């Protein structure tokens, strides 16, 4: 993990305004030191992305995942439901047939 010492001498491509905007969107309250640290870290991430953009990917097919994935589906067969008493067993509040929940609409 980068520390503020590691990032001090790195050129910051992201402005302080950008960091404050990102922090606001993430609902974060950052100190000046954190803004400096995260700005340097984000700049290094963007530098790496620029390096990746230099790669020749013309003959590479787009992928959504590096591994071949396939869904394992099972047949949907009708089954009996669990008994109502079992379904209500761990309910914090219940009536004879239903879960009891707080009223949210007046």
PDB file of N, CA and C in Angstrom:
ATOM      1  N   UNK A   1       0.843  -1.184   0.000  1.00  0.00           N
ATOM      2  CA  UNK A   1       0.000   0.000   0.000  1.00  0.00           C
ATOM      3  C   UNK A   1       0.884   1.242   0.000  1.00  0.00           C
ATOM      4  N   UNK A   2       0.468   2.205  -0.759  1.00  0.00           N
ATOM      5  CA  UNK A   2       1.213   3.456  -0.827  1.00  0.00           C
ATOM      6  C   UNK A   2       0.997   4.280   0.434  1.00  0.00           C
ATOM      7  N   UNK A   3       2.036   4.924   0.854  1.00  0.00           N
ATOM      8  CA  UNK A   3       1.919   5.865   1.964  1.00  0.00           C
ATOM      9  C   UNK A   3       2.077   7.264   1.409  1.00  0.00           C
ATOM     10  N   UNK A   4       1.826   8.259   2.240  1.00  0.00           N
ATOM     11  CA  UNK A   4       1.965   9.634   1.774  1.00  0.00           C
ATOM     12  C   UNK A   4       3.409   9.925   1.384  1.00  0.00           C
ATOM     13  N   UNK A   5       4.392   9.270   2.027  1.00  0.00           N
ATOM     14  CA  UNK A   5       5.802   9.476   1.676  1.00  0.00           C
ATOM     15  C   UNK A   5       6.095   8.951   0.269  1.00  0.00           C
ATOM     16  N   UNK A   6       5.471   7.811  -0.091  1.00  0.00           N
ATOM     17  CA  UNK A   6       5.685   7.234  -1.417  1.00  0.00           C
ATOM     18  C   UNK A   6       5.155   8.143  -2.517  1.00  0.00           C
ATOM     19  N   UNK A   7       4.120   8.882  -2.213  1.00  0.00           N
ATOM     20  CA  UNK A   7       3.420   9.646  -3.238  1.00  0.00           C
ATOM     21  C   UNK A   7       3.811  11.115  -3.276  1.00  0.00           C
ATOM     22  N   UNK A   8       4.613  11.586  -2.351  1.00  0.00           N
ATOM     23  CA  UNK A   8       4.962  13.007  -2.261  1.00  0.00           C
ATOM     24  C   UNK A   8       5.576  13.539  -3.553  1.00  0.00           C
ATOM     25  N   UNK A   9       6.488  12.790  -4.171  1.00  0.00           N
ATOM     26  CA  UNK A   9       7.218  13.289  -5.329  1.00  0.00           C
ATOM     27  C   UNK A   9       6.565  12.915  -6.655  1.00  0.00           C
ATOM     28  N   UNK A  10       5.380  12.351  -6.608  1.00  0.00           N
ATOM     29  CA  UNK A  10       4.690  11.954  -7.825  1.00  0.00           C
ATOM     30  C   UNK A  10       3.923  13.148  -8.388  1.00  0.00           C
ATOM     31  N   UNK A  11       3.987  13.378  -9.706  1.00  0.00           N
ATOM     32  CA  UNK A  11       3.191  14.449 -10.279  1.00  0.00           C
ATOM     33  C   UNK A  11       1.714  14.091 -10.176  1.00  0.00           C
ATOM     34  N   UNK A  12       0.904  15.030  -9.760  1.00  0.00           N
ATOM     35  CA  UNK A  12      -0.503  14.752  -9.557  1.00  0.00           C
ATOM     36  C   UNK A  12      -1.288  15.177 -10.784  1.00  0.00           C
ATOM     37  N   UNK A  13      -1.848  14.209 -11.497  1.00  0.00           N
ATOM     38  CA  UNK A  13      -2.628  14.498 -12.691  1.00  0.00           C
ATOM     39  C   UNK A  13      -4.059  14.871 -12.336  1.00  0.00           C
ATOM     40  N   UNK A  14      -4.464  14.539 -11.147  1.00  0.00           N
ATOM     41  CA  UNK A  14      -5.820  14.826 -10.706  1.00  0.00           C
ATOM     42  C   UNK A  14      -5.763  16.084  -9.849  1.00  0.00           C
ATOM     43  N   UNK A  15      -6.641  17.002 -10.131  1.00  0.00           N
ATOM     44  CA  UNK A  15      -6.623  18.258  -9.382  1.00  0.00           C
ATOM     45  C   UNK A  15      -7.240  18.069  -8.003  1.00  0.00           C
ATOM     46  N   UNK A  16      -6.957  19.010  -7.131  1.00  0.00           N
ATOM     47  CA  UNK A  16      -7.565  18.994  -5.803  1.00  0.00           C
ATOM     48  C   UNK A  16      -9.077  19.076  -5.894  1.00  0.00           C
ATOM     49  N   UNK A  17      -9.582  19.823  -6.883  1.00  0.00           N
ATOM     50  CA  UNK A  17     -11.033  19.921  -7.098  1.00  0.00           C
ATOM     51  C   UNK A  17     -11.614  18.561  -7.458  1.00  0.00           C
ATOM     52  N   UNK A  18     -10.878  17.816  -8.303  1.00  0.00           N
ATOM     53  CA  UNK A  18     -11.339  16.474  -8.683  1.00  0.00           C
ATOM     54  C   UNK A  18     -11.440  15.568  -7.456  1.00  0.00           C
ATOM     55  N   UNK A  19     -10.421  15.614  -6.619  1.00  0.00           N
ATOM     56  CA  UNK A  19     -10.419  14.779  -5.402  1.00  0.00           C
ATOM     57  C   UNK A  19     -11.581  15.176  -4.498  1.00  0.00           C
ATOM     58  N   UNK A  20     -11.801  16.464  -4.327  1.00  0.00           N
ATOM     59  CA  UNK A  20     -12.909  16.919  -3.484  1.00  0.00           C
ATOM     60  C   UNK A  20     -14.250  16.494  -4.070  1.00  0.00           C
ATOM     61  N   UNK A  21     -14.359  16.550  -5.397  1.00  0.00           N
ATOM     62  CA  UNK A  21     -15.605  16.133  -6.044  1.00  0.00           C
ATOM     63  C   UNK A  21     -15.837  14.632  -5.851  1.00  0.00           C
ATOM     64  N   UNK A  22     -14.795  13.843  -6.043  1.00  0.00           N
ATOM     65  CA  UNK A  22     -14.911  12.392  -5.842  1.00  0.00           C
ATOM     66  C   UNK A  22     -15.270  12.089  -4.388  1.00  0.00           C
ATOM     67  N   UNK A  23     -14.629  12.790  -3.454  1.00  0.00           N
ATOM     68  CA  UNK A  23     -14.922  12.587  -2.030  1.00  0.00           C
ATOM     69  C   UNK A  23     -16.372  12.943  -1.727  1.00  0.00           C
ATOM     70  N   UNK A  24     -16.851  14.042  -2.326  1.00  0.00           N
ATOM     71  CA  UNK A  24     -18.246  14.452  -2.106  1.00  0.00           C
ATOM     72  C   UNK A  24     -19.199  13.385  -2.644  1.00  0.00           C
ATOM     73  N   UNK A  25     -18.914  12.864  -3.836  1.00  0.00           N
ATOM     74  CA  UNK A  25     -19.771  11.826  -4.414  1.00  0.00           C
ATOM     75  C   UNK A  25     -19.781  10.563  -3.555  1.00  0.00           C
ATOM     76  N   UNK A  26     -18.644  10.261  -2.940  1.00  0.00           N
ATOM     77  CA  UNK A  26     -18.531   9.075  -2.089  1.00  0.00           C
ATOM     78  C   UNK A  26     -18.934   9.366  -0.650  1.00  0.00           C
ATOM     79  N   UNK A  27     -19.342  10.595  -0.397  1.00  0.00           N
ATOM     80  CA  UNK A  27     -19.736  11.038   0.951  1.00  0.00           C
ATOM     81  C   UNK A  27     -18.611  10.824   1.955  1.00  0.00           C
ATOM     82  N   UNK A  28     -17.379  11.216   1.541  1.00  0.00           N
ATOM     83  CA  UNK A  28     -16.209  11.085   2.401  1.00  0.00           C
ATOM     84  C   UNK A  28     -15.741  12.458   2.850  1.00  0.00           C
ATOM     85  N   UNK A  29     -15.324  12.531   4.076  1.00  0.00           N
ATOM     86  CA  UNK A  29     -14.709  13.747   4.594  1.00  0.00           C
ATOM     87  C   UNK A  29     -13.216  13.471   4.704  1.00  0.00           C
ATOM     88  N   UNK A  30     -12.433  14.147   3.857  1.00  0.00           N
ATOM     89  CA  UNK A  30     -11.004  13.876   3.799  1.00  0.00           C
ATOM     90  C   UNK A  30     -10.196  15.031   4.366  1.00  0.00           C
ATOM     91  N   UNK A  31      -9.110  14.694   5.041  1.00  0.00           N
ATOM     92  CA  UNK A  31      -8.177  15.711   5.501  1.00  0.00           C
ATOM     93  C   UNK A  31      -7.320  16.128   4.309  1.00  0.00           C
ATOM     94  N   UNK A  32      -6.571  17.203   4.453  1.00  0.00           N
ATOM     95  CA  UNK A  32      -5.695  17.659   3.368  1.00  0.00           C
ATOM     96  C   UNK A  32      -4.655  16.589   3.035  1.00  0.00           C
ATOM     97  N   UNK A  33      -4.130  15.924   4.064  1.00  0.00           N
ATOM     98  CA  UNK A  33      -3.145  14.865   3.830  1.00  0.00           C
ATOM     99  C   UNK A  33      -3.766  13.706   3.055  1.00  0.00           C
ATOM    100  N   UNK A  34      -4.993  13.340   3.402  1.00  0.00           N
ATOM    101  CA  UNK A  34      -5.678  12.260   2.685  1.00  0.00           C
ATOM    102  C   UNK A  34      -5.948  12.660   1.236  1.00  0.00           C
ATOM    103  N   UNK A  35      -6.341  13.902   1.020  1.00  0.00           N
ATOM    104  CA  UNK A  35      -6.575  14.372  -0.351  1.00  0.00           C
ATOM    105  C   UNK A  35      -5.309  14.261  -1.175  1.00  0.00           C
ATOM    106  N   UNK A  36      -4.189  14.647  -0.588  1.00  0.00           N
ATOM    107  CA  UNK A  36      -2.898  14.570  -1.278  1.00  0.00           C
ATOM    108  C   UNK A  36      -2.532  13.115  -1.564  1.00  0.00           C
ATOM    109  N   UNK A  37      -2.700  12.255  -0.562  1.00  0.00           N
ATOM    110  CA  UNK A  37      -2.374  10.842  -0.706  1.00  0.00           C
ATOM    111  C   UNK A  37      -3.252  10.183  -1.767  1.00  0.00           C
ATOM    112  N   UNK A  38      -4.567  10.365  -1.656  1.00  0.00           N
ATOM    113  CA  UNK A  38      -5.474   9.722  -2.598  1.00  0.00           C
ATOM    114  C   UNK A  38      -5.318  10.293  -3.998  1.00  0.00           C
ATOM    115  N   UNK A  39      -5.015  11.586  -4.098  1.00  0.00           N
ATOM    116  CA  UNK A  39      -4.764  12.177  -5.408  1.00  0.00           C
ATOM    117  C   UNK A  39      -3.572  11.537  -6.070  1.00  0.00           C
ATOM    118  N   UNK A  40      -2.501  11.337  -5.313  1.00  0.00           N
ATOM    119  CA  UNK A  40      -1.302  10.693  -5.863  1.00  0.00           C
ATOM    120  C   UNK A  40      -1.590   9.243  -6.234  1.00  0.00           C
ATOM    121  N   UNK A  41      -2.341   8.547  -5.398  1.00  0.00           N
ATOM    122  CA  UNK A  41      -2.674   7.153  -5.699  1.00  0.00           C
ATOM    123  C   UNK A  41      -3.537   7.056  -6.957  1.00  0.00           C
ATOM    124  N   UNK A  42      -4.527   7.929  -7.074  1.00  0.00           N
ATOM    125  CA  UNK A  42      -5.371   7.911  -8.266  1.00  0.00           C
ATOM    126  C   UNK A  42      -4.576   8.283  -9.509  1.00  0.00           C
ATOM    127  N   UNK A  43      -3.633   9.189  -9.361  1.00  0.00           N
ATOM    128  CA  UNK A  43      -2.776   9.549 -10.492  1.00  0.00           C
ATOM    129  C   UNK A  43      -1.953   8.356 -10.956  1.00  0.00           C
ATOM    130  N   UNK A  44      -1.455   7.584 -10.001  1.00  0.00           N
ATOM    131  CA  UNK A  44      -0.672   6.393 -10.368  1.00  0.00           C
ATOM    132  C   UNK A  44      -1.551   5.359 -11.061  1.00  0.00           C
ATOM    133  N   UNK A  45      -2.785   5.246 -10.624  1.00  0.00           N
ATOM    134  CA  UNK A  45      -3.722   4.331 -11.282  1.00  0.00           C
ATOM    135  C   UNK A  45      -3.961   4.782 -12.716  1.00  0.00           C
ATOM    136  N   UNK A  46      -4.176   6.091 -12.907  1.00  0.00           N
ATOM    137  CA  UNK A  46      -4.388   6.613 -14.259  1.00  0.00           C
ATOM    138  C   UNK A  46      -3.148   6.449 -15.125  1.00  0.00           C
ATOM    139  N   UNK A  47      -1.967   6.615 -14.533  1.00  0.00           N
ATOM    140  CA  UNK A  47      -0.722   6.381 -15.277  1.00  0.00           C
ATOM    141  C   UNK A  47      -0.668   4.942 -15.773  1.00  0.00           C
ATOM    142  N   UNK A  48      -1.061   4.012 -14.921  1.00  0.00           N
ATOM    143  CA  UNK A  48      -1.055   2.606 -15.308  1.00  0.00           C
ATOM    144  C   UNK A  48      -2.069   2.352 -16.421  1.00  0.00           C
ATOM    145  N   UNK A  49      -3.241   2.984 -16.321  1.00  0.00           N
ATOM    146  CA  UNK A  49      -4.242   2.829 -17.371  1.00  0.00           C
ATOM    147  C   UNK A  49      -3.714   3.371 -18.695  1.00  0.00           C
ATOM    148  N   UNK A  50      -2.990   4.475 -18.657  1.00  0.00           N
ATOM    149  CA  UNK A  50      -2.376   5.013 -19.876  1.00  0.00           C
ATOM    150  C   UNK A  50      -1.380   4.015 -20.463  1.00  0.00           C
ATOM    151  N   UNK A  51      -0.626   3.375 -19.599  1.00  0.00           N
ATOM    152  CA  UNK A  51       0.333   2.369 -20.058  1.00  0.00           C
ATOM    153  C   UNK A  51      -0.404   1.209 -20.726  1.00  0.00           C
ATOM    154  N   UNK A  52      -1.519   0.783 -20.146  1.00  0.00           N
ATOM    155  CA  UNK A  52      -2.311  -0.292 -20.744  1.00  0.00           C
ATOM    156  C   UNK A  52      -2.884   0.133 -22.095  1.00  0.00           C
ATOM    157  N   UNK A  53      -3.215   1.411 -22.242  1.00  0.00           N
ATOM    158  CA  UNK A  53      -3.750   1.905 -23.513  1.00  0.00           C
ATOM    159  C   UNK A  53      -2.717   1.856 -24.624  1.00  0.00           C
ATOM    160  N   UNK A  54      -1.444   1.742 -24.293  1.00  0.00           N
ATOM    161  CA  UNK A  54      -0.389   1.652 -25.299  1.00  0.00           C
ATOM    162  C   UNK A  54      -0.329   0.272 -25.951  1.00  0.00           C
ATOM    163  N   UNK A  55      -0.946  -0.721 -25.341  1.00  0.00           N
ATOM    164  CA  UNK A  55      -0.892  -2.083 -25.873  1.00  0.00           C
ATOM    165  C   UNK A  55      -1.690  -2.191 -27.166  1.00  0.00           C
ATOM    166  N   UNK A  56      -1.189  -2.999 -28.081  1.00  0.00           N
ATOM    167  CA  UNK A  56      -1.882  -3.262 -29.334  1.00  0.00           C
ATOM    168  C   UNK A  56      -2.902  -4.369 -29.091  1.00  0.00           C
ATOM    169  N   UNK A  57      -4.161  -4.026 -29.111  1.00  0.00           N
ATOM    170  CA  UNK A  57      -5.223  -4.996 -28.845  1.00  0.00           C
ATOM    171  C   UNK A  57      -6.098  -5.230 -30.074  1.00  0.00           C
ATOM    172  N   UNK A  58      -5.590  -4.870 -31.260  1.00  0.00           N
ATOM    173  CA  UNK A  58      -6.390  -4.998 -32.483  1.00  0.00           C
ATOM    174  C   UNK A  58      -6.838  -6.427 -32.756  1.00  0.00           C
ATOM    175  N   UNK A  59      -5.996  -7.404 -32.493  1.00  0.00           N
ATOM    176  CA  UNK A  59      -6.324  -8.799 -32.811  1.00  0.00           C
ATOM    177  C   UNK A  59      -6.803  -9.591 -31.603  1.00  0.00           C
ATOM    178  N   UNK A  60      -7.227  -8.897 -30.581  1.00  0.00           N
ATOM    179  CA  UNK A  60      -7.704  -9.570 -29.367  1.00  0.00           C
ATOM    180  C   UNK A  60      -9.200  -9.346 -29.238  1.00  0.00           C
ATOM    181  N   UNK A  61      -9.922 -10.459 -29.106  1.00  0.00           N
ATOM    182  CA  UNK A  61     -11.374 -10.353 -28.976  1.00  0.00           C
ATOM    183  C   UNK A  61     -11.745  -9.797 -27.608  1.00  0.00           C
ATOM    184  N   UNK A  62     -12.769  -8.964 -27.561  1.00  0.00           N
ATOM    185  CA  UNK A  62     -13.232  -8.453 -26.264  1.00  0.00           C
ATOM    186  C   UNK A  62     -13.751  -9.598 -25.394  1.00  0.00           C
ATOM    187  N   UNK A  63     -13.492  -9.509 -24.125  1.00  0.00           N
ATOM    188  CA  UNK A  63     -13.988 -10.522 -23.190  1.00  0.00           C
ATOM    189  C   UNK A  63     -14.660  -9.826 -22.022  1.00  0.00           C
ATOM    190  N   UNK A  64     -15.606 -10.503 -21.444  1.00  0.00           N
ATOM    191  CA  UNK A  64     -16.242  -9.971 -20.241  1.00  0.00           C
ATOM    192  C   UNK A  64     -15.625 -10.578 -18.987  1.00  0.00           C
ATOM    193  N   UNK A  65     -14.892 -11.675 -19.185  1.00  0.00           N
ATOM    194  CA  UNK A  65     -14.259 -12.350 -18.057  1.00  0.00           C
ATOM    195  C   UNK A  65     -13.054 -13.112 -18.587  1.00  0.00           C
ATOM    196  N   UNK A  66     -12.021 -13.205 -17.785  1.00  0.00           N
ATOM    197  CA  UNK A  66     -10.811 -13.878 -18.259  1.00  0.00           C
ATOM    198  C   UNK A  66     -10.968 -15.390 -18.337  1.00  0.00           C
ATOM    199  N   UNK A  67     -11.900 -15.935 -17.597  1.00  0.00           N
ATOM    200  CA  UNK A  67     -12.149 -17.374 -17.629  1.00  0.00           C
ATOM    201  C   UNK A  67     -13.472 -17.644 -18.327  1.00  0.00           C
ATOM    202  N   UNK A  68     -13.544 -18.777 -19.003  1.00  0.00           N
ATOM    203  CA  UNK A  68     -14.804 -19.162 -19.633  1.00  0.00           C
ATOM    204  C   UNK A  68     -15.776 -19.586 -18.531  1.00  0.00           C
ATOM    205  N   UNK A  69     -16.888 -18.899 -18.469  1.00  0.00           N
ATOM    206  CA  UNK A  69     -17.898 -19.218 -17.462  1.00  0.00           C
ATOM    207  C   UNK A  69     -19.181 -19.643 -18.151  1.00  0.00           C
ATOM    208  N   UNK A  70     -19.864 -20.578 -17.565  1.00  0.00           N
ATOM    209  CA  UNK A  70     -21.184 -20.943 -18.070  1.00  0.00           C
ATOM    210  C   UNK A  70     -22.091 -21.156 -16.864  1.00  0.00           C
ATOM    211  N   UNK A  71     -23.334 -20.789 -17.045  1.00  0.00           N
ATOM    212  CA  UNK A  71     -24.293 -20.956 -15.956  1.00  0.00           C
ATOM    213  C   UNK A  71     -24.655 -22.425 -15.810  1.00  0.00           C
ATOM    214  N   UNK A  72     -24.715 -22.851 -14.589  1.00  0.00           N
ATOM    215  CA  UNK A  72     -25.164 -24.205 -14.310  1.00  0.00           C
ATOM    216  C   UNK A  72     -26.622 -24.083 -13.904  1.00  0.00           C
ATOM    217  N   UNK A  73     -27.469 -24.517 -14.787  1.00  0.00           N
ATOM    218  CA  UNK A  73     -28.901 -24.373 -14.532  1.00  0.00           C
ATOM    219  C   UNK A  73     -29.489 -25.723 -14.159  1.00  0.00           C
ATOM    220  N   UNK A  74     -30.424 -25.672 -13.269  1.00  0.00           N
ATOM    221  CA  UNK A  74     -31.130 -26.898 -12.935  1.00  0.00           C
ATOM    222  C   UNK A  74     -32.557 -26.757 -13.462  1.00  0.00           C
ATOM    223  N   UNK A  75     -33.182 -27.863 -13.647  1.00  0.00           N
ATOM    224  CA  UNK A  75     -34.554 -27.847 -14.121  1.00  0.00           C
ATOM    225  C   UNK A  75     -35.443 -27.306 -13.006  1.00  0.00           C
ATOM    226  N   UNK A  76     -36.374 -26.456 -13.372  1.00  0.00           N
ATOM    227  CA  UNK A  76     -37.278 -25.852 -12.398  1.00  0.00           C
ATOM    228  C   UNK A  76     -38.477 -26.775 -12.218  1.00  0.00           C
ATOM    229  N   UNK A  77     -38.473 -27.504 -11.113  1.00  0.00           N
ATOM    230  CA  UNK A  77     -39.545 -28.457 -10.854  1.00  0.00           C
ATOM    231  C   UNK A  77     -40.401 -27.973  -9.687  1.00  0.00           C
ATOM    232  N   UNK A  78     -41.708 -28.107  -9.804  1.00  0.00           N
ATOM    233  CA  UNK A  78     -42.565 -27.697  -8.680  1.00  0.00           C
ATOM    234  C   UNK A  78     -42.379 -28.635  -7.495  1.00  0.00           C
ATOM    235  N   UNK A  79     -42.330 -28.036  -6.306  1.00  0.00           N
ATOM    236  CA  UNK A  79     -42.221 -28.824  -5.075  1.00  0.00           C
ATOM    237  C   UNK A  79     -43.181 -28.251  -4.050  1.00  0.00           C
ATOM    238  N   UNK A  80     -43.448 -29.028  -3.030  1.00  0.00           N
ATOM    239  CA  UNK A  80     -44.292 -28.543  -1.951  1.00  0.00           C
ATOM    240  C   UNK A  80     -43.553 -27.463  -1.179  1.00  0.00           C
ATOM    241  N   UNK A  81     -44.276 -26.456  -0.708  1.00  0.00           N
ATOM    242  CA  UNK A  81     -43.687 -25.398   0.114  1.00  0.00           C
ATOM    243  C   UNK A  81     -43.467 -25.902   1.527  1.00  0.00           C
ATOM    244  N   UNK A  82     -42.643 -25.171   2.283  1.00  0.00           N
ATOM    245  CA  UNK A  82     -42.474 -25.545   3.682  1.00  0.00           C
ATOM    246  C   UNK A  82     -43.748 -25.164   4.430  1.00  0.00           C
ATOM    247  N   UNK A  83     -44.051 -25.852   5.499  1.00  0.00           N
ATOM    248  CA  UNK A  83     -45.257 -25.522   6.261  1.00  0.00           C
ATOM    249  C   UNK A  83     -45.195 -24.093   6.805  1.00  0.00           C
ATOM    250  N   UNK A  84     -46.341 -23.442   6.866  1.00  0.00           N
ATOM    251  CA  UNK A  84     -46.422 -22.059   7.332  1.00  0.00           C
ATOM    252  C   UNK A  84     -45.805 -21.903   8.720  1.00  0.00           C
ATOM    253  N   UNK A  85     -46.030 -22.845   9.591  1.00  0.00           N
ATOM    254  CA  UNK A  85     -45.479 -22.767  10.947  1.00  0.00           C
ATOM    255  C   UNK A  85     -43.949 -22.704  10.913  1.00  0.00           C
ATOM    256  N   UNK A  86     -43.338 -23.486  10.024  1.00  0.00           N
ATOM    257  CA  UNK A  86     -41.881 -23.479   9.898  1.00  0.00           C
ATOM    258  C   UNK A  86     -41.390 -22.146   9.327  1.00  0.00           C
ATOM    259  N   UNK A  87     -42.141 -21.600   8.359  1.00  0.00           N
ATOM    260  CA  UNK A  87     -41.747 -20.322   7.754  1.00  0.00           C
ATOM    261  C   UNK A  87     -41.802 -19.194   8.778  1.00  0.00           C
ATOM    262  N   UNK A  88     -42.760 -19.256   9.697  1.00  0.00           N
ATOM    263  CA  UNK A  88     -42.934 -18.210  10.704  1.00  0.00           C
ATOM    264  C   UNK A  88     -42.146 -18.470  11.981  1.00  0.00           C
ATOM    265  N   UNK A  89     -41.455 -19.587  12.039  1.00  0.00           N
ATOM    266  CA  UNK A  89     -40.782 -20.016  13.258  1.00  0.00           C
ATOM    267  C   UNK A  89     -39.836 -18.963  13.821  1.00  0.00           C
ATOM    268  N   UNK A  90     -38.994 -18.319  12.992  1.00  0.00           N
ATOM    269  CA  UNK A  90     -38.006 -17.353  13.474  1.00  0.00           C
ATOM    270  C   UNK A  90     -38.443 -15.904  13.320  1.00  0.00           C
ATOM    271  N   UNK A  91     -39.688 -15.678  12.972  1.00  0.00           N
ATOM    272  CA  UNK A  91     -40.171 -14.306  12.807  1.00  0.00           C
ATOM    273  C   UNK A  91     -40.189 -13.605  14.164  1.00  0.00           C
ATOM    274  N   UNK A  92     -39.628 -12.369  14.237  1.00  0.00           N
ATOM    275  CA  UNK A  92     -39.636 -11.663  15.517  1.00  0.00           C
ATOM    276  C   UNK A  92     -41.055 -11.341  15.995  1.00  0.00           C
ATOM    277  N   UNK A  93     -41.933 -11.023  15.041  1.00  0.00           N
ATOM    278  CA  UNK A  93     -43.349 -10.797  15.379  1.00  0.00           C
ATOM    279  C   UNK A  93     -44.186 -11.446  14.300  1.00  0.00           C
ATOM    280  N   UNK A  94     -45.273 -12.064  14.715  1.00  0.00           N
ATOM    281  CA  UNK A  94     -46.129 -12.746  13.744  1.00  0.00           C
ATOM    282  C   UNK A  94     -47.551 -12.788  14.258  1.00  0.00           C
ATOM    283  N   UNK A  95     -48.474 -13.018  13.334  1.00  0.00           N
ATOM    284  CA  UNK A  95     -49.855 -13.316  13.693  1.00  0.00           C
ATOM    285  C   UNK A  95     -50.034 -14.797  13.419  1.00  0.00           C
ATOM    286  N   UNK A  96     -51.262 -15.241  13.400  1.00  0.00           N
ATOM    287  CA  UNK A  96     -51.502 -16.665  13.170  1.00  0.00           C
ATOM    288  C   UNK A  96     -50.998 -17.115  11.802  1.00  0.00           C
ATOM    289  N   UNK A  97     -51.121 -16.228  10.778  1.00  0.00           N
ATOM    290  CA  UNK A  97     -50.767 -16.635   9.423  1.00  0.00           C
ATOM    291  C   UNK A  97     -49.707 -15.772   8.755  1.00  0.00           C
ATOM    292  N   UNK A  98     -49.350 -14.624   9.360  1.00  0.00           N
ATOM    293  CA  UNK A  98     -48.512 -13.671   8.647  1.00  0.00           C
ATOM    294  C   UNK A  98     -47.361 -13.159   9.513  1.00  0.00           C
ATOM    295  N   UNK A  99     -46.322 -12.615   8.805  1.00  0.00           N
ATOM    296  CA  UNK A  99     -45.283 -11.849   9.488  1.00  0.00           C
ATOM    297  C   UNK A  99     -45.898 -10.522   9.896  1.00  0.00           C
ATOM    298  N   UNK A 100     -45.552 -10.024  11.072  1.00  0.00           N
ATOM    299  CA  UNK A 100     -46.010  -8.700  11.488  1.00  0.00           C
ATOM    300  C   UNK A 100     -44.825  -7.749  11.312  1.00  0.00           C
ATOM    301  N   UNK A 101     -45.066  -6.664  10.556  1.00  0.00           N
ATOM    302  CA  UNK A 101     -44.025  -5.672  10.283  1.00  0.00           C
ATOM    303  C   UNK A 101     -44.522  -4.296  10.681  1.00  0.00           C
ATOM    304  N   UNK A 102     -43.597  -3.359  10.942  1.00  0.00           N
ATOM    305  CA  UNK A 102     -44.038  -2.021  11.309  1.00  0.00           C
ATOM    306  C   UNK A 102     -44.769  -1.350  10.150  1.00  0.00           C
ATOM    307  N   UNK A 103     -45.758  -0.548  10.487  1.00  0.00           N
ATOM    308  CA  UNK A 103     -46.507   0.198   9.486  1.00  0.00           C
ATOM    309  C   UNK A 103     -45.600   1.302   8.922  1.00  0.00           C
ATOM    310  N   UNK A 104     -45.517   1.390   7.588  1.00  0.00           N
ATOM    311  CA  UNK A 104     -44.677   2.420   6.995  1.00  0.00           C
ATOM    312  C   UNK A 104     -45.480   3.420   6.166  1.00  0.00           C
ATOM    313  N   UNK A 105     -46.734   3.099   5.857  1.00  0.00           N
ATOM    314  CA  UNK A 105     -47.592   4.016   5.095  1.00  0.00           C
ATOM    315  C   UNK A 105     -48.702   4.478   6.013  1.00  0.00           C
ATOM    316  N   UNK A 106     -48.902   5.782   6.020  1.00  0.00           N
ATOM    317  CA  UNK A 106     -49.971   6.316   6.886  1.00  0.00           C
ATOM    318  C   UNK A 106     -51.218   6.573   6.096  1.00  0.00           C
TER     319      UNK A 106
END
